[in-house]
Amino acid sequence: MVMVDRIVSISGKTTETAFLIGEDNVLCENGRFTESGLIENMAQTAAAGAGTSPADAGKEARRGFIGGIRNLKIDDLPAVGQEIITRATVIHEVFEAAVVMGEVFLDHRLIASCELKIFALKEQHQ
């Protein structure tokens, strides 16, 4: 399931993406993008930034998972048909883990934010 349509910008440790909420999105309920959808969108925004570095060019994307969520704040749920802009900023990285500040904007207004601990799995060679 893809929760990012396009990368808007990448600058240093910050990535911004755009996502148009579709009517057929599995993380929509009663015409609204759910809390789970907002969290997944923030995580995929962080992953989009991590996968665009020159060192990763031409490599297959690594699998990752959310290891923890802190300070989750959701003020609004966007409706189907609305576009959100999401910003993910890497606060710090240690080995295969990163702490990322995620922020979701609707019409230039912050509607959701949290800190995500994201772990990227090392490639397994067989």
PDB file of N, CA and C in Angstrom:
ATOM      1  N   MET A   1       0.847  -1.173   0.000  1.00  0.00           N
ATOM      2  CA  MET A   1       0.000   0.000   0.000  1.00  0.00           C
ATOM      3  C   MET A   1       0.891   1.235   0.000  1.00  0.00           C
ATOM      4  N   VAL A   2       0.663   2.075  -0.946  1.00  0.00           N
ATOM      5  CA  VAL A   2       1.475   3.272  -1.113  1.00  0.00           C
ATOM      6  C   VAL A   2       0.688   4.471  -0.589  1.00  0.00           C
ATOM      7  N   MET A   3       1.328   5.228   0.319  1.00  0.00           N
ATOM      8  CA  MET A   3       0.688   6.396   0.938  1.00  0.00           C
ATOM      9  C   MET A   3       1.427   7.689   0.613  1.00  0.00           C
ATOM     10  N   VAL A   4       2.189   7.687  -0.492  1.00  0.00           N
ATOM     11  CA  VAL A   4       2.900   8.871  -0.969  1.00  0.00           C
ATOM     12  C   VAL A   4       2.750   8.915  -2.484  1.00  0.00           C
ATOM     13  N   ASP A   5       2.323  10.049  -3.019  1.00  0.00           N
ATOM     14  CA  ASP A   5       2.197  10.197  -4.472  1.00  0.00           C
ATOM     15  C   ASP A   5       3.477  10.709  -5.109  1.00  0.00           C
ATOM     16  N   ARG A   6       4.081  11.708  -4.465  1.00  0.00           N
ATOM     17  CA  ARG A   6       5.277  12.305  -5.061  1.00  0.00           C
ATOM     18  C   ARG A   6       6.129  12.980  -3.993  1.00  0.00           C
ATOM     19  N   ILE A   7       7.432  13.055  -4.292  1.00  0.00           N
ATOM     20  CA  ILE A   7       8.349  13.800  -3.427  1.00  0.00           C
ATOM     21  C   ILE A   7       8.284  15.261  -3.859  1.00  0.00           C
ATOM     22  N   VAL A   8       8.008  16.137  -2.913  1.00  0.00           N
ATOM     23  CA  VAL A   8       7.936  17.575  -3.179  1.00  0.00           C
ATOM     24  C   VAL A   8       9.330  18.181  -3.101  1.00  0.00           C
ATOM     25  N   SER A   9      10.086  17.797  -2.050  1.00  0.00           N
ATOM     26  CA  SER A   9      11.445  18.314  -1.897  1.00  0.00           C
ATOM     27  C   SER A   9      12.238  17.446  -0.933  1.00  0.00           C
ATOM     28  N   ILE A  10      13.562  17.510  -1.120  1.00  0.00           N
ATOM     29  CA  ILE A  10      14.491  16.882  -0.183  1.00  0.00           C
ATOM     30  C   ILE A  10      15.594  17.890   0.056  1.00  0.00           C
ATOM     31  N   SER A  11      15.827  18.191   1.334  1.00  0.00           N
ATOM     32  CA  SER A  11      16.856  19.146   1.698  1.00  0.00           C
ATOM     33  C   SER A  11      17.515  18.672   2.986  1.00  0.00           C
ATOM     34  N   GLY A  12      18.768  18.248   2.879  1.00  0.00           N
ATOM     35  CA  GLY A  12      19.464  17.745   4.057  1.00  0.00           C
ATOM     36  C   GLY A  12      18.769  16.527   4.608  1.00  0.00           C
ATOM     37  N   LYS A  13      18.347  16.594   5.844  1.00  0.00           N
ATOM     38  CA  LYS A  13      17.698  15.465   6.512  1.00  0.00           C
ATOM     39  C   LYS A  13      16.174  15.563   6.478  1.00  0.00           C
ATOM     40  N   THR A  14      15.642  16.481   5.669  1.00  0.00           N
ATOM     41  CA  THR A  14      14.196  16.692   5.611  1.00  0.00           C
ATOM     42  C   THR A  14      13.653  16.338   4.231  1.00  0.00           C
ATOM     43  N   THR A  15      12.570  15.573   4.232  1.00  0.00           N
ATOM     44  CA  THR A  15      11.875  15.184   3.002  1.00  0.00           C
ATOM     45  C   THR A  15      10.429  15.632   3.107  1.00  0.00           C
ATOM     46  N   GLU A  16       9.896  16.183   2.014  1.00  0.00           N
ATOM     47  CA  GLU A  16       8.473  16.535   1.955  1.00  0.00           C
ATOM     48  C   GLU A  16       7.830  15.775   0.811  1.00  0.00           C
ATOM     49  N   THR A  17       6.643  15.220   1.083  1.00  0.00           N
ATOM     50  CA  THR A  17       5.894  14.501   0.062  1.00  0.00           C
ATOM     51  C   THR A  17       4.470  15.032  -0.013  1.00  0.00           C
ATOM     52  N   ALA A  18       3.788  14.663  -1.091  1.00  0.00           N
ATOM     53  CA  ALA A  18       2.381  14.996  -1.262  1.00  0.00           C
ATOM     54  C   ALA A  18       1.597  13.704  -1.448  1.00  0.00           C
ATOM     55  N   PHE A  19       0.375  13.697  -0.953  1.00  0.00           N
ATOM     56  CA  PHE A  19      -0.486  12.524  -1.094  1.00  0.00           C
ATOM     57  C   PHE A  19      -1.939  12.966  -1.203  1.00  0.00           C
ATOM     58  N   LEU A  20      -2.580  12.570  -2.293  1.00  0.00           N
ATOM     59  CA  LEU A  20      -3.999  12.848  -2.511  1.00  0.00           C
ATOM     60  C   LEU A  20      -4.796  11.675  -1.953  1.00  0.00           C
ATOM     61  N   ILE A  21      -5.699  11.937  -1.030  1.00  0.00           N
ATOM     62  CA  ILE A  21      -6.483  10.884  -0.387  1.00  0.00           C
ATOM     63  C   ILE A  21      -7.530  10.377  -1.370  1.00  0.00           C
ATOM     64  N   GLY A  22      -7.366   9.126  -1.783  1.00  0.00           N
ATOM     65  CA  GLY A  22      -8.302   8.524  -2.734  1.00  0.00           C
ATOM     66  C   GLY A  22      -9.476   7.847  -2.054  1.00  0.00           C
ATOM     67  N   GLU A  23     -10.588   7.805  -2.754  1.00  0.00           N
ATOM     68  CA  GLU A  23     -11.815   7.205  -2.225  1.00  0.00           C
ATOM     69  C   GLU A  23     -11.642   5.709  -1.937  1.00  0.00           C
ATOM     70  N   ASP A  24     -10.762   5.055  -2.713  1.00  0.00           N
ATOM     71  CA  ASP A  24     -10.559   3.612  -2.562  1.00  0.00           C
ATOM     72  C   ASP A  24      -9.422   3.265  -1.596  1.00  0.00           C
ATOM     73  N   ASN A  25      -8.884   4.236  -0.895  1.00  0.00           N
ATOM     74  CA  ASN A  25      -7.773   3.990   0.023  1.00  0.00           C
ATOM     75  C   ASN A  25      -8.234   3.095   1.176  1.00  0.00           C
ATOM     76  N   VAL A  26      -7.456   2.030   1.441  1.00  0.00           N
ATOM     77  CA  VAL A  26      -7.826   1.073   2.488  1.00  0.00           C
ATOM     78  C   VAL A  26      -7.760   1.670   3.889  1.00  0.00           C
ATOM     79  N   LEU A  27      -7.066   2.784   4.053  1.00  0.00           N
ATOM     80  CA  LEU A  27      -6.967   3.415   5.369  1.00  0.00           C
ATOM     81  C   LEU A  27      -7.904   4.613   5.513  1.00  0.00           C
ATOM     82  N   CYS A  28      -8.979   4.609   4.714  1.00  0.00           N
ATOM     83  CA  CYS A  28     -10.037   5.605   4.861  1.00  0.00           C
ATOM     84  C   CYS A  28     -11.248   4.939   5.498  1.00  0.00           C
ATOM     85  N   GLU A  29     -11.936   5.727   6.303  1.00  0.00           N
ATOM     86  CA  GLU A  29     -13.127   5.238   6.977  1.00  0.00           C
ATOM     87  C   GLU A  29     -14.117   6.390   7.080  1.00  0.00           C
ATOM     88  N   ASN A  30     -15.331   6.159   6.653  1.00  0.00           N
ATOM     89  CA  ASN A  30     -16.379   7.184   6.698  1.00  0.00           C
ATOM     90  C   ASN A  30     -15.949   8.474   5.998  1.00  0.00           C
ATOM     91  N   GLY A  31     -15.262   8.330   4.873  1.00  0.00           N
ATOM     92  CA  GLY A  31     -14.870   9.494   4.079  1.00  0.00           C
ATOM     93  C   GLY A  31     -13.667  10.261   4.603  1.00  0.00           C
ATOM     94  N   ARG A  32     -12.966   9.698   5.585  1.00  0.00           N
ATOM     95  CA  ARG A  32     -11.804  10.362   6.191  1.00  0.00           C
ATOM     96  C   ARG A  32     -10.603   9.419   6.192  1.00  0.00           C
ATOM     97  N   PHE A  33      -9.403  10.005   6.057  1.00  0.00           N
ATOM     98  CA  PHE A  33      -8.149   9.274   6.189  1.00  0.00           C
ATOM     99  C   PHE A  33      -7.943   9.038   7.676  1.00  0.00           C
ATOM    100  N   THR A  34      -7.692   7.810   8.075  1.00  0.00           N
ATOM    101  CA  THR A  34      -7.630   7.465   9.502  1.00  0.00           C
ATOM    102  C   THR A  34      -6.296   7.853  10.151  1.00  0.00           C
ATOM    103  N   GLU A  35      -6.267   7.728  11.461  1.00  0.00           N
ATOM    104  CA  GLU A  35      -5.044   7.966  12.224  1.00  0.00           C
ATOM    105  C   GLU A  35      -3.931   7.047  11.739  1.00  0.00           C
ATOM    106  N   SER A  36      -4.266   5.779  11.497  1.00  0.00           N
ATOM    107  CA  SER A  36      -3.279   4.819  10.990  1.00  0.00           C
ATOM    108  C   SER A  36      -2.728   5.252   9.640  1.00  0.00           C
ATOM    109  N   GLY A  37      -3.582   5.810   8.816  1.00  0.00           N
ATOM    110  CA  GLY A  37      -3.147   6.311   7.511  1.00  0.00           C
ATOM    111  C   GLY A  37      -2.160   7.452   7.642  1.00  0.00           C
ATOM    112  N   LEU A  38      -2.415   8.363   8.571  1.00  0.00           N
ATOM    113  CA  LEU A  38      -1.500   9.486   8.789  1.00  0.00           C
ATOM    114  C   LEU A  38      -0.136   8.998   9.268  1.00  0.00           C
ATOM    115  N   ILE A  39      -0.132   8.026  10.170  1.00  0.00           N
ATOM    116  CA  ILE A  39       1.132   7.485  10.681  1.00  0.00           C
ATOM    117  C   ILE A  39       1.888   6.778   9.562  1.00  0.00           C
ATOM    118  N   GLU A  40       1.196   5.968   8.778  1.00  0.00           N
ATOM    119  CA  GLU A  40       1.848   5.260   7.672  1.00  0.00           C
ATOM    120  C   GLU A  40       2.386   6.247   6.637  1.00  0.00           C
ATOM    121  N   ASN A  41       1.649   7.309   6.380  1.00  0.00           N
ATOM    122  CA  ASN A  41       2.106   8.345   5.448  1.00  0.00           C
ATOM    123  C   ASN A  41       3.388   9.004   5.948  1.00  0.00           C
ATOM    124  N   MET A  42       3.476   9.284   7.253  1.00  0.00           N
ATOM    125  CA  MET A  42       4.703   9.869   7.812  1.00  0.00           C
ATOM    126  C   MET A  42       5.873   8.894   7.675  1.00  0.00           C
ATOM    127  N   ALA A  43       5.636   7.622   7.952  1.00  0.00           N
ATOM    128  CA  ALA A  43       6.699   6.616   7.844  1.00  0.00           C
ATOM    129  C   ALA A  43       7.160   6.466   6.396  1.00  0.00           C
ATOM    130  N   GLN A  44       6.234   6.452   5.445  1.00  0.00           N
ATOM    131  CA  GLN A  44       6.612   6.318   4.040  1.00  0.00           C
ATOM    132  C   GLN A  44       7.329   7.571   3.531  1.00  0.00           C
ATOM    133  N   THR A  45       7.002   8.716   4.078  1.00  0.00           N
ATOM    134  CA  THR A  45       7.727   9.931   3.720  1.00  0.00           C
ATOM    135  C   THR A  45       9.172   9.831   4.183  1.00  0.00           C
ATOM    136  N   ALA A  46       9.377   9.345   5.407  1.00  0.00           N
ATOM    137  CA  ALA A  46      10.737   9.141   5.910  1.00  0.00           C
ATOM    138  C   ALA A  46      11.482   8.144   5.035  1.00  0.00           C
ATOM    139  N   ALA A  47      10.822   7.082   4.641  1.00  0.00           N
ATOM    140  CA  ALA A  47      11.453   6.063   3.794  1.00  0.00           C
ATOM    141  C   ALA A  47      11.786   6.620   2.413  1.00  0.00           C
ATOM    142  N   ALA A  48      10.932   7.473   1.887  1.00  0.00           N
ATOM    143  CA  ALA A  48      11.189   8.071   0.568  1.00  0.00           C
ATOM    144  C   ALA A  48      12.469   8.891   0.604  1.00  0.00           C
ATOM    145  N   GLY A  49      12.683   9.627   1.682  1.00  0.00           N
ATOM    146  CA  GLY A  49      13.908  10.409   1.820  1.00  0.00           C
ATOM    147  C   GLY A  49      15.129   9.537   1.970  1.00  0.00           C
ATOM    148  N   ALA A  50      15.003   8.457   2.730  1.00  0.00           N
ATOM    149  CA  ALA A  50      16.137   7.563   2.950  1.00  0.00           C
ATOM    150  C   ALA A  50      16.530   6.837   1.674  1.00  0.00           C
ATOM    151  N   GLY A  51      15.581   6.585   0.806  1.00  0.00           N
ATOM    152  CA  GLY A  51      15.856   5.841  -0.414  1.00  0.00           C
ATOM    153  C   GLY A  51      16.312   6.675  -1.584  1.00  0.00           C
ATOM    154  N   THR A  52      16.521   7.971  -1.369  1.00  0.00           N
ATOM    155  CA  THR A  52      16.918   8.830  -2.480  1.00  0.00           C
ATOM    156  C   THR A  52      18.344   9.355  -2.371  1.00  0.00           C
ATOM    157  N   SER A  53      19.096   8.855  -1.396  1.00  0.00           N
ATOM    158  CA  SER A  53      20.471   9.329  -1.264  1.00  0.00           C
ATOM    159  C   SER A  53      21.334   8.748  -2.373  1.00  0.00           C
ATOM    160  N   PRO A  54      22.404   9.437  -2.754  1.00  0.00           N
ATOM    161  CA  PRO A  54      23.275   8.932  -3.817  1.00  0.00           C
ATOM    162  C   PRO A  54      23.817   7.536  -3.539  1.00  0.00           C
ATOM    163  N   ALA A  55      24.072   7.223  -2.281  1.00  0.00           N
ATOM    164  CA  ALA A  55      24.592   5.902  -1.931  1.00  0.00           C
ATOM    165  C   ALA A  55      23.579   4.799  -2.210  1.00  0.00           C
ATOM    166  N   ASP A  56      22.288   5.157  -2.208  1.00  0.00           N
ATOM    167  CA  ASP A  56      21.229   4.173  -2.440  1.00  0.00           C
ATOM    168  C   ASP A  56      20.790   4.108  -3.902  1.00  0.00           C
ATOM    169  N   ALA A  57      21.326   4.948  -4.759  1.00  0.00           N
ATOM    170  CA  ALA A  57      20.922   4.985  -6.162  1.00  0.00           C
ATOM    171  C   ALA A  57      21.133   3.625  -6.809  1.00  0.00           C
ATOM    172  N   GLY A  58      20.098   3.134  -7.450  1.00  0.00           N
ATOM    173  CA  GLY A  58      20.186   1.867  -8.157  1.00  0.00           C
ATOM    174  C   GLY A  58      20.015   0.641  -7.277  1.00  0.00           C
ATOM    175  N   LYS A  59      19.929   0.823  -5.977  1.00  0.00           N
ATOM    176  CA  LYS A  59      19.748  -0.308  -5.069  1.00  0.00           C
ATOM    177  C   LYS A  59      18.263  -0.547  -4.834  1.00  0.00           C
ATOM    178  N   GLU A  60      17.933  -1.789  -4.525  1.00  0.00           N
ATOM    179  CA  GLU A  60      16.560  -2.121  -4.177  1.00  0.00           C
ATOM    180  C   GLU A  60      16.239  -1.517  -2.815  1.00  0.00           C
ATOM    181  N   ALA A  61      15.022  -1.024  -2.656  1.00  0.00           N
ATOM    182  CA  ALA A  61      14.619  -0.420  -1.388  1.00  0.00           C
ATOM    183  C   ALA A  61      14.663  -1.458  -0.271  1.00  0.00           C
ATOM    184  N   ARG A  62      15.176  -1.035   0.879  1.00  0.00           N
ATOM    185  CA  ARG A  62      15.237  -1.932   2.028  1.00  0.00           C
ATOM    186  C   ARG A  62      13.894  -1.939   2.743  1.00  0.00           C
ATOM    187  N   ARG A  63      13.593  -3.067   3.350  1.00  0.00           N
ATOM    188  CA  ARG A  63      12.376  -3.160   4.143  1.00  0.00           C
ATOM    189  C   ARG A  63      12.617  -2.497   5.486  1.00  0.00           C
ATOM    190  N   GLY A  64      11.577  -1.912   6.008  1.00  0.00           N
ATOM    191  CA  GLY A  64      11.689  -1.271   7.300  1.00  0.00           C
ATOM    192  C   GLY A  64      10.398  -1.413   8.074  1.00  0.00           C
ATOM    193  N   PHE A  65      10.451  -1.031   9.318  1.00  0.00           N
ATOM    194  CA  PHE A  65       9.242  -1.072  10.133  1.00  0.00           C
ATOM    195  C   PHE A  65       9.303   0.002  11.202  1.00  0.00           C
ATOM    196  N   ILE A  66       8.131   0.362  11.687  1.00  0.00           N
ATOM    197  CA  ILE A  66       8.012   1.339  12.759  1.00  0.00           C
ATOM    198  C   ILE A  66       8.229   0.608  14.070  1.00  0.00           C
ATOM    199  N   GLY A  67       9.238   1.038  14.829  1.00  0.00           N
ATOM    200  CA  GLY A  67       9.549   0.404  16.099  1.00  0.00           C
ATOM    201  C   GLY A  67       8.931   1.119  17.289  1.00  0.00           C
ATOM    202  N   GLY A  68       8.479   2.342  17.076  1.00  0.00           N
ATOM    203  CA  GLY A  68       7.871   3.077  18.172  1.00  0.00           C
ATOM    204  C   GLY A  68       7.332   4.424  17.704  1.00  0.00           C
ATOM    205  N   ILE A  69       6.338   4.896  18.424  1.00  0.00           N
ATOM    206  CA  ILE A  69       5.717   6.191  18.142  1.00  0.00           C
ATOM    207  C   ILE A  69       5.629   6.944  19.456  1.00  0.00           C
ATOM    208  N   ARG A  70       6.093   8.205  19.434  1.00  0.00           N
ATOM    209  CA  ARG A  70       6.027   9.047  20.637  1.00  0.00           C
ATOM    210  C   ARG A  70       5.354  10.363  20.309  1.00  0.00           C
ATOM    211  N   ASN A  71       4.715  10.919  21.303  1.00  0.00           N
ATOM    212  CA  ASN A  71       4.131  12.266  21.221  1.00  0.00           C
ATOM    213  C   ASN A  71       3.210  12.438  20.014  1.00  0.00           C
ATOM    214  N   LEU A  72       2.380  11.430  19.764  1.00  0.00           N
ATOM    215  CA  LEU A  72       1.436  11.499  18.650  1.00  0.00           C
ATOM    216  C   LEU A  72       0.359  12.536  18.956  1.00  0.00           C
ATOM    217  N   LYS A  73       0.179  13.449  18.009  1.00  0.00           N
ATOM    218  CA  LYS A  73      -0.866  14.466  18.142  1.00  0.00           C
ATOM    219  C   LYS A  73      -1.591  14.561  16.803  1.00  0.00           C
ATOM    220  N   ILE A  74      -2.901  14.350  16.836  1.00  0.00           N
ATOM    221  CA  ILE A  74      -3.712  14.448  15.623  1.00  0.00           C
ATOM    222  C   ILE A  74      -4.850  15.415  15.915  1.00  0.00           C
ATOM    223  N   ASP A  75      -4.890  16.505  15.155  1.00  0.00           N
ATOM    224  CA  ASP A  75      -5.912  17.526  15.355  1.00  0.00           C
ATOM    225  C   ASP A  75      -7.054  17.428  14.358  1.00  0.00           C
ATOM    226  N   ASP A  76      -6.812  16.751  13.219  1.00  0.00           N
ATOM    227  CA  ASP A  76      -7.834  16.685  12.181  1.00  0.00           C
ATOM    228  C   ASP A  76      -7.550  15.483  11.294  1.00  0.00           C
ATOM    229  N   LEU A  77      -8.584  14.941  10.696  1.00  0.00           N
ATOM    230  CA  LEU A  77      -8.443  13.853   9.724  1.00  0.00           C
ATOM    231  C   LEU A  77      -8.867  14.388   8.362  1.00  0.00           C
ATOM    232  N   PRO A  78      -7.969  14.330   7.363  1.00  0.00           N
ATOM    233  CA  PRO A  78      -8.325  14.852   6.049  1.00  0.00           C
ATOM    234  C   PRO A  78      -9.410  14.010   5.385  1.00  0.00           C
ATOM    235  N   ALA A  79     -10.196  14.657   4.561  1.00  0.00           N
ATOM    236  CA  ALA A  79     -11.285  13.988   3.854  1.00  0.00           C
ATOM    237  C   ALA A  79     -10.792  13.430   2.523  1.00  0.00           C
ATOM    238  N   VAL A  80     -11.537  12.463   2.030  1.00  0.00           N
ATOM    239  CA  VAL A  80     -11.277  11.933   0.692  1.00  0.00           C
ATOM    240  C   VAL A  80     -11.274  13.102  -0.285  1.00  0.00           C
ATOM    241  N   GLY A  81     -10.303  13.108  -1.197  1.00  0.00           N
ATOM    242  CA  GLY A  81     -10.198  14.172  -2.193  1.00  0.00           C
ATOM    243  C   GLY A  81      -9.266  15.304  -1.790  1.00  0.00           C
ATOM    244  N   GLN A  82      -8.839  15.336  -0.541  1.00  0.00           N
ATOM    245  CA  GLN A  82      -7.917  16.376  -0.103  1.00  0.00           C
ATOM    246  C   GLN A  82      -6.475  15.897  -0.252  1.00  0.00           C
ATOM    247  N   GLU A  83      -5.561  16.843  -0.458  1.00  0.00           N
ATOM    248  CA  GLU A  83      -4.145  16.519  -0.560  1.00  0.00           C
ATOM    249  C   GLU A  83      -3.432  16.975   0.700  1.00  0.00           C
ATOM    250  N   ILE A  84      -2.605  16.073   1.243  1.00  0.00           N
ATOM    251  CA  ILE A  84      -1.800  16.412   2.404  1.00  0.00           C
ATOM    252  C   ILE A  84      -0.340  16.537   1.983  1.00  0.00           C
ATOM    253  N   ILE A  85       0.386  17.398   2.682  1.00  0.00           N
ATOM    254  CA  ILE A  85       1.831  17.547   2.515  1.00  0.00           C
ATOM    255  C   ILE A  85       2.455  17.058   3.813  1.00  0.00           C
ATOM    256  N   THR A  86       3.420  16.163   3.680  1.00  0.00           N
ATOM    257  CA  THR A  86       4.028  15.562   4.865  1.00  0.00           C
ATOM    258  C   THR A  86       5.515  15.838   4.878  1.00  0.00           C
ATOM    259  N   ARG A  87       6.015  16.209   6.051  1.00  0.00           N
ATOM    260  CA  ARG A  87       7.436  16.497   6.237  1.00  0.00           C
ATOM    261  C   ARG A  87       8.000  15.496   7.237  1.00  0.00           C
ATOM    262  N   ALA A  88       9.111  14.870   6.869  1.00  0.00           N
ATOM    263  CA  ALA A  88       9.822  13.951   7.764  1.00  0.00           C
ATOM    264  C   ALA A  88      11.252  14.454   7.909  1.00  0.00           C
ATOM    265  N   THR A  89      11.660  14.708   9.141  1.00  0.00           N
ATOM    266  CA  THR A  89      13.005  15.202   9.426  1.00  0.00           C
ATOM    267  C   THR A  89      13.710  14.216  10.344  1.00  0.00           C
ATOM    268  N   VAL A  90      14.863  13.727   9.892  1.00  0.00           N
ATOM    269  CA  VAL A  90      15.648  12.797  10.700  1.00  0.00           C
ATOM    270  C   VAL A  90      16.285  13.573  11.844  1.00  0.00           C
ATOM    271  N   ILE A  91      15.963  13.171  13.064  1.00  0.00           N
ATOM    272  CA  ILE A  91      16.522  13.816  14.251  1.00  0.00           C
ATOM    273  C   ILE A  91      17.887  13.217  14.565  1.00  0.00           C
ATOM    274  N   HIS A  92      17.961  11.884  14.557  1.00  0.00           N
ATOM    275  CA  HIS A  92      19.253  11.210  14.688  1.00  0.00           C
ATOM    276  C   HIS A  92      19.151   9.772  14.186  1.00  0.00           C
ATOM    277  N   GLU A  93      20.305   9.230  13.821  1.00  0.00           N
ATOM    278  CA  GLU A  93      20.402   7.865  13.313  1.00  0.00           C
ATOM    279  C   GLU A  93      21.489   7.121  14.076  1.00  0.00           C
ATOM    280  N   VAL A  94      21.226   5.853  14.366  1.00  0.00           N
ATOM    281  CA  VAL A  94      22.201   4.975  14.992  1.00  0.00           C
ATOM    282  C   VAL A  94      22.063   3.621  14.302  1.00  0.00           C
ATOM    283  N   PHE A  95      23.147   3.176  13.663  1.00  0.00           N
ATOM    284  CA  PHE A  95      23.161   1.916  12.937  1.00  0.00           C
ATOM    285  C   PHE A  95      21.984   1.852  11.972  1.00  0.00           C
ATOM    286  N   GLU A  96      21.082   0.900  12.154  1.00  0.00           N
ATOM    287  CA  GLU A  96      19.953   0.706  11.240  1.00  0.00           C
ATOM    288  C   GLU A  96      18.671   1.382  11.735  1.00  0.00           C
ATOM    289  N   ALA A  97      18.778   2.226  12.728  1.00  0.00           N
ATOM    290  CA  ALA A  97      17.603   2.873  13.307  1.00  0.00           C
ATOM    291  C   ALA A  97      17.676   4.381  13.141  1.00  0.00           C
ATOM    292  N   ALA A  98      16.512   4.986  12.989  1.00  0.00           N
ATOM    293  CA  ALA A  98      16.432   6.444  12.896  1.00  0.00           C
ATOM    294  C   ALA A  98      15.247   6.929  13.722  1.00  0.00           C
ATOM    295  N   VAL A  99      15.420   8.088  14.340  1.00  0.00           N
ATOM    296  CA  VAL A  99      14.312   8.780  14.983  1.00  0.00           C
ATOM    297  C   VAL A  99      13.948   9.930  14.058  1.00  0.00           C
ATOM    298  N   VAL A 100      12.686   9.968  13.679  1.00  0.00           N
ATOM    299  CA  VAL A 100      12.211  10.918  12.677  1.00  0.00           C
ATOM    300  C   VAL A 100      11.042  11.710  13.251  1.00  0.00           C
ATOM    301  N   MET A 101      11.049  13.019  13.017  1.00  0.00           N
ATOM    302  CA  MET A 101       9.909  13.865  13.367  1.00  0.00           C
ATOM    303  C   MET A 101       9.027  13.943  12.140  1.00  0.00           C
ATOM    304  N   GLY A 102       7.794  13.481  12.267  1.00  0.00           N
ATOM    305  CA  GLY A 102       6.842  13.534  11.162  1.00  0.00           C
ATOM    306  C   GLY A 102       5.797  14.608  11.408  1.00  0.00           C
ATOM    307  N   GLU A 103       5.465  15.337  10.343  1.00  0.00           N
ATOM    308  CA  GLU A 103       4.438  16.387  10.436  1.00  0.00           C
ATOM    309  C   GLU A 103       3.579  16.333   9.180  1.00  0.00           C
ATOM    310  N   VAL A 104       2.258  16.398   9.361  1.00  0.00           N
ATOM    311  CA  VAL A 104       1.323  16.363   8.246  1.00  0.00           C
ATOM    312  C   VAL A 104       0.563  17.686   8.203  1.00  0.00           C
ATOM    313  N   PHE A 105       0.518  18.270   6.994  1.00  0.00           N
ATOM    314  CA  PHE A 105      -0.143  19.565   6.797  1.00  0.00           C
ATOM    315  C   PHE A 105      -1.312  19.423   5.828  1.00  0.00           C
ATOM    316  N   LEU A 106      -2.386  20.125   6.117  1.00  0.00           N
ATOM    317  CA  LEU A 106      -3.551  20.212   5.245  1.00  0.00           C
ATOM    318  C   LEU A 106      -3.843  21.694   5.058  1.00  0.00           C
ATOM    319  N   ASP A 107      -3.779  22.158   3.826  1.00  0.00           N
ATOM    320  CA  ASP A 107      -3.985  23.592   3.543  1.00  0.00           C
ATOM    321  C   ASP A 107      -3.062  24.460   4.400  1.00  0.00           C
ATOM    322  N   HIS A 108      -1.780  24.075   4.492  1.00  0.00           N
ATOM    323  CA  HIS A 108      -0.733  24.795   5.225  1.00  0.00           C
ATOM    324  C   HIS A 108      -0.937  24.809   6.737  1.00  0.00           C
ATOM    325  N   ARG A 109      -1.835  23.966   7.229  1.00  0.00           N
ATOM    326  CA  ARG A 109      -2.126  23.892   8.663  1.00  0.00           C
ATOM    327  C   ARG A 109      -1.658  22.541   9.188  1.00  0.00           C
ATOM    328  N   LEU A 110      -0.866  22.536  10.276  1.00  0.00           N
ATOM    329  CA  LEU A 110      -0.388  21.299  10.879  1.00  0.00           C
ATOM    330  C   LEU A 110      -1.573  20.548  11.475  1.00  0.00           C
ATOM    331  N   ILE A 111      -1.795  19.296  10.992  1.00  0.00           N
ATOM    332  CA  ILE A 111      -2.925  18.517  11.510  1.00  0.00           C
ATOM    333  C   ILE A 111      -2.476  17.277  12.287  1.00  0.00           C
ATOM    334  N   ALA A 112      -1.213  16.861  12.110  1.00  0.00           N
ATOM    335  CA  ALA A 112      -0.736  15.673  12.823  1.00  0.00           C
ATOM    336  C   ALA A 112       0.781  15.722  12.944  1.00  0.00           C
ATOM    337  N   SER A 113       1.294  15.152  14.045  1.00  0.00           N
ATOM    338  CA  SER A 113       2.743  15.081  14.226  1.00  0.00           C
ATOM    339  C   SER A 113       3.067  13.964  15.212  1.00  0.00           C
ATOM    340  N   CYS A 114       4.296  13.466  15.107  1.00  0.00           N
ATOM    341  CA  CYS A 114       4.802  12.485  16.054  1.00  0.00           C
ATOM    342  C   CYS A 114       6.280  12.228  15.787  1.00  0.00           C
ATOM    343  N   GLU A 115       6.920  11.572  16.748  1.00  0.00           N
ATOM    344  CA  GLU A 115       8.271  11.057  16.563  1.00  0.00           C
ATOM    345  C   GLU A 115       8.140   9.578  16.253  1.00  0.00           C
ATOM    346  N   LEU A 116       8.816   9.133  15.217  1.00  0.00           N
ATOM    347  CA  LEU A 116       8.798   7.732  14.819  1.00  0.00           C
ATOM    348  C   LEU A 116      10.187   7.135  14.986  1.00  0.00           C
ATOM    349  N   LYS A 117      10.266   5.947  15.564  1.00  0.00           N
ATOM    350  CA  LYS A 117      11.504   5.168  15.537  1.00  0.00           C
ATOM    351  C   LYS A 117      11.339   4.193  14.384  1.00  0.00           C
ATOM    352  N   ILE A 118      12.230   4.313  13.412  1.00  0.00           N
ATOM    353  CA  ILE A 118      12.132   3.485  12.216  1.00  0.00           C
ATOM    354  C   ILE A 118      13.389   2.633  12.101  1.00  0.00           C
ATOM    355  N   PHE A 119      13.186   1.353  11.852  1.00  0.00           N
ATOM    356  CA  PHE A 119      14.287   0.413  11.687  1.00  0.00           C
ATOM    357  C   PHE A 119      14.312  -0.092  10.254  1.00  0.00           C
ATOM    358  N   ALA A 120      15.487  -0.054   9.628  1.00  0.00           N
ATOM    359  CA  ALA A 120      15.671  -0.588   8.279  1.00  0.00           C
ATOM    360  C   ALA A 120      16.400  -1.914   8.399  1.00  0.00           C
ATOM    361  N   LEU A 121      15.871  -2.921   7.759  1.00  0.00           N
ATOM    362  CA  LEU A 121      16.480  -4.247   7.825  1.00  0.00           C
ATOM    363  C   LEU A 121      17.666  -4.330   6.880  1.00  0.00           C
ATOM    364  N   LYS A 122      18.723  -4.966   7.344  1.00  0.00           N
ATOM    365  CA  LYS A 122      19.893  -5.185   6.491  1.00  0.00           C
ATOM    366  C   LYS A 122      19.528  -6.179   5.397  1.00  0.00           C
ATOM    367  N   GLU A 123      20.184  -6.032   4.249  1.00  0.00           N
ATOM    368  CA  GLU A 123      19.952  -6.966   3.148  1.00  0.00           C
ATOM    369  C   GLU A 123      20.450  -8.344   3.530  1.00  0.00           C
ATOM    370  N   GLN A 124      19.667  -9.346   3.194  1.00  0.00           N
ATOM    371  CA  GLN A 124      20.040 -10.740   3.445  1.00  0.00           C
ATOM    372  C   GLN A 124      20.509 -11.368   2.141  1.00  0.00           C
ATOM    373  N   HIS A 125      21.735 -11.806   2.078  1.00  0.00           N
ATOM    374  CA  HIS A 125      22.244 -12.474   0.876  1.00  0.00           C
ATOM    375  C   HIS A 125      22.127 -13.976   1.069  1.00  0.00           C
ATOM    376  N   GLN A 126      21.599 -14.635   0.057  1.00  0.00           N
ATOM    377  CA  GLN A 126      21.433 -16.088   0.159  1.00  0.00           C
ATOM    378  C   GLN A 126      22.313 -16.805  -0.812  1.00  0.00           C
TER     379      GLN A 126
END
